[in-house]
């Protein structure tokens, strides 16, 4: 006998969703594994969003490949922007500190 982890309703082994509360009973099928969830996770977690992409049972293989490429390019771009900000800050600090008062 199995029970729903959310509402404790008795469920059948063949059920994919709880009949009472609608909770997904299969791993890799929740919101975080959908297209919207992956996009949100990418904006919040960056490259760590690749883990739900890989574990998703909702996304097709083509969608997983596209997400991996896009997330990787997004990560490289953010790294480049951070590097530019770092070098600009270093230049500003070195010119500010070298001025005699």
C-alpha atoms as a PDB file:
ATOM      1  CA  UNK A   1       0.000   0.000   0.000  1.00  0.00           C
ATOM      2  CA  UNK A   2       1.459   3.364  -1.086  1.00  0.00           C
ATOM      3  CA  UNK A   3       0.608   6.838   0.149  1.00  0.00           C
ATOM      4  CA  UNK A   4       0.954  10.281  -1.425  1.00  0.00           C
ATOM      5  CA  UNK A   5       3.951  12.151   0.048  1.00  0.00           C
ATOM      6  CA  UNK A   6       1.982  15.417   0.043  1.00  0.00           C
ATOM      7  CA  UNK A   7      -1.519  14.597   1.337  1.00  0.00           C
ATOM      8  CA  UNK A   8      -1.086  11.000   2.645  1.00  0.00           C
ATOM      9  CA  UNK A   9      -3.960   9.724   0.470  1.00  0.00           C
ATOM     10  CA  UNK A  10      -3.740   6.039  -0.433  1.00  0.00           C
ATOM     11  CA  UNK A  11      -2.585   5.644  -4.052  1.00  0.00           C
ATOM     12  CA  UNK A  12      -2.240   2.840  -6.558  1.00  0.00           C
ATOM     13  CA  UNK A  13       1.229   1.766  -7.708  1.00  0.00           C
ATOM     14  CA  UNK A  14       0.322   2.534 -11.331  1.00  0.00           C
ATOM     15  CA  UNK A  15      -0.759   6.133 -10.635  1.00  0.00           C
ATOM     16  CA  UNK A  16       1.408   8.942 -11.996  1.00  0.00           C
ATOM     17  CA  UNK A  17      -0.415  11.622  -9.995  1.00  0.00           C
ATOM     18  CA  UNK A  18      -2.271  11.659  -6.699  1.00  0.00           C
ATOM     19  CA  UNK A  19      -6.019  11.542  -7.306  1.00  0.00           C
ATOM     20  CA  UNK A  20      -6.678  13.852  -4.375  1.00  0.00           C
ATOM     21  CA  UNK A  21      -4.071  16.647  -4.567  1.00  0.00           C
ATOM     22  CA  UNK A  22      -2.579  16.159  -8.062  1.00  0.00           C
ATOM     23  CA  UNK A  23       1.032  15.766  -6.864  1.00  0.00           C
ATOM     24  CA  UNK A  24       3.313  14.098  -9.393  1.00  0.00           C
ATOM     25  CA  UNK A  25       4.420  10.717  -8.081  1.00  0.00           C
ATOM     26  CA  UNK A  26       7.196  10.092 -10.592  1.00  0.00           C
ATOM     27  CA  UNK A  27      10.615  11.736 -10.155  1.00  0.00           C
ATOM     28  CA  UNK A  28      11.674  14.155 -12.863  1.00  0.00           C
ATOM     29  CA  UNK A  29       8.180  15.296 -13.810  1.00  0.00           C
ATOM     30  CA  UNK A  30       7.573  18.311 -11.544  1.00  0.00           C
ATOM     31  CA  UNK A  31       7.643  22.028 -12.356  1.00  0.00           C
ATOM     32  CA  UNK A  32      11.432  22.315 -12.055  1.00  0.00           C
ATOM     33  CA  UNK A  33      11.823  19.782 -14.863  1.00  0.00           C
ATOM     34  CA  UNK A  34       9.471  21.604 -17.283  1.00  0.00           C
ATOM     35  CA  UNK A  35      10.454  24.280 -19.813  1.00  0.00           C
ATOM     36  CA  UNK A  36       9.411  27.135 -17.504  1.00  0.00           C
ATOM     37  CA  UNK A  37      11.209  25.600 -14.540  1.00  0.00           C
ATOM     38  CA  UNK A  38      14.431  25.092 -16.511  1.00  0.00           C
ATOM     39  CA  UNK A  39      14.424  28.721 -17.684  1.00  0.00           C
ATOM     40  CA  UNK A  40      13.826  29.962 -14.138  1.00  0.00           C
ATOM     41  CA  UNK A  41      16.559  27.717 -12.751  1.00  0.00           C
ATOM     42  CA  UNK A  42      18.970  28.928 -15.436  1.00  0.00           C
ATOM     43  CA  UNK A  43      18.429  32.536 -14.400  1.00  0.00           C
ATOM     44  CA  UNK A  44      18.845  31.699 -10.709  1.00  0.00           C
ATOM     45  CA  UNK A  45      21.446  28.914 -10.680  1.00  0.00           C
ATOM     46  CA  UNK A  46      23.304  29.354 -13.965  1.00  0.00           C
ATOM     47  CA  UNK A  47      25.192  26.205 -14.968  1.00  0.00           C
ATOM     48  CA  UNK A  48      23.733  24.196 -12.084  1.00  0.00           C
ATOM     49  CA  UNK A  49      20.456  24.165 -14.045  1.00  0.00           C
ATOM     50  CA  UNK A  50      22.033  21.469 -16.226  1.00  0.00           C
ATOM     51  CA  UNK A  51      21.245  18.886 -13.539  1.00  0.00           C
ATOM     52  CA  UNK A  52      17.429  19.198 -13.817  1.00  0.00           C
ATOM     53  CA  UNK A  53      17.776  19.309 -17.607  1.00  0.00           C
ATOM     54  CA  UNK A  54      19.554  15.958 -17.515  1.00  0.00           C
ATOM     55  CA  UNK A  55      17.089  14.430 -15.016  1.00  0.00           C
ATOM     56  CA  UNK A  56      13.929  15.693 -16.739  1.00  0.00           C
ATOM     57  CA  UNK A  57      11.567  13.085 -18.074  1.00  0.00           C
ATOM     58  CA  UNK A  58       9.383  15.781 -19.682  1.00  0.00           C
ATOM     59  CA  UNK A  59      11.967  17.197 -22.105  1.00  0.00           C
ATOM     60  CA  UNK A  60      12.853  15.450 -25.349  1.00  0.00           C
ATOM     61  CA  UNK A  61      16.448  14.658 -26.252  1.00  0.00           C
ATOM     62  CA  UNK A  62      16.500  17.542 -28.724  1.00  0.00           C
ATOM     63  CA  UNK A  63      15.208  19.977 -26.078  1.00  0.00           C
ATOM     64  CA  UNK A  64      17.807  18.741 -23.594  1.00  0.00           C
ATOM     65  CA  UNK A  65      20.570  19.319 -26.161  1.00  0.00           C
ATOM     66  CA  UNK A  66      19.328  22.822 -26.960  1.00  0.00           C
ATOM     67  CA  UNK A  67      19.058  23.710 -23.255  1.00  0.00           C
ATOM     68  CA  UNK A  68      22.577  22.413 -22.580  1.00  0.00           C
ATOM     69  CA  UNK A  69      24.025  24.529 -25.404  1.00  0.00           C
ATOM     70  CA  UNK A  70      22.080  27.642 -24.388  1.00  0.00           C
ATOM     71  CA  UNK A  71      22.937  27.283 -20.690  1.00  0.00           C
ATOM     72  CA  UNK A  72      26.616  26.725 -21.537  1.00  0.00           C
ATOM     73  CA  UNK A  73      26.723  29.811 -23.784  1.00  0.00           C
ATOM     74  CA  UNK A  74      24.904  31.841 -21.118  1.00  0.00           C
ATOM     75  CA  UNK A  75      27.488  30.745 -18.544  1.00  0.00           C
ATOM     76  CA  UNK A  76      30.419  31.655 -20.806  1.00  0.00           C
ATOM     77  CA  UNK A  77      28.861  35.055 -21.530  1.00  0.00           C
ATOM     78  CA  UNK A  78      28.332  35.780 -17.826  1.00  0.00           C
ATOM     79  CA  UNK A  79      31.915  34.733 -17.107  1.00  0.00           C
ATOM     80  CA  UNK A  80      33.150  37.127 -19.799  1.00  0.00           C
ATOM     81  CA  UNK A  81      31.045  39.989 -18.400  1.00  0.00           C
ATOM     82  CA  UNK A  82      32.346  39.319 -14.885  1.00  0.00           C
ATOM     83  CA  UNK A  83      35.917  39.309 -16.192  1.00  0.00           C
ATOM     84  CA  UNK A  84      35.351  42.635 -17.963  1.00  0.00           C
ATOM     85  CA  UNK A  85      33.920  44.173 -14.793  1.00  0.00           C
ATOM     86  CA  UNK A  86      36.869  42.844 -12.785  1.00  0.00           C
ATOM     87  CA  UNK A  87      39.482  44.265 -15.161  1.00  0.00           C
ATOM     88  CA  UNK A  88      37.664  47.605 -15.379  1.00  0.00           C
ATOM     89  CA  UNK A  89      37.508  47.796 -11.586  1.00  0.00           C
ATOM     90  CA  UNK A  90      41.221  46.985 -11.348  1.00  0.00           C
ATOM     91  CA  UNK A  91      42.063  49.729 -13.838  1.00  0.00           C
ATOM     92  CA  UNK A  92      39.928  52.258 -11.998  1.00  0.00           C
ATOM     93  CA  UNK A  93      41.475  51.358  -8.654  1.00  0.00           C
ATOM     94  CA  UNK A  94      45.031  51.486  -9.991  1.00  0.00           C
ATOM     95  CA  UNK A  95      44.524  54.938 -11.514  1.00  0.00           C
ATOM     96  CA  UNK A  96      42.758  56.197  -8.385  1.00  0.00           C
ATOM     97  CA  UNK A  97      45.426  54.884  -6.027  1.00  0.00           C
ATOM     98  CA  UNK A  98      48.331  56.201  -8.109  1.00  0.00           C
ATOM     99  CA  UNK A  99      47.133  59.837  -8.018  1.00  0.00           C
ATOM    100  CA  UNK A 100      49.061  62.007  -5.505  1.00  0.00           C
ATOM    101  CA  UNK A 101      46.961  63.828  -2.960  1.00  0.00           C
END
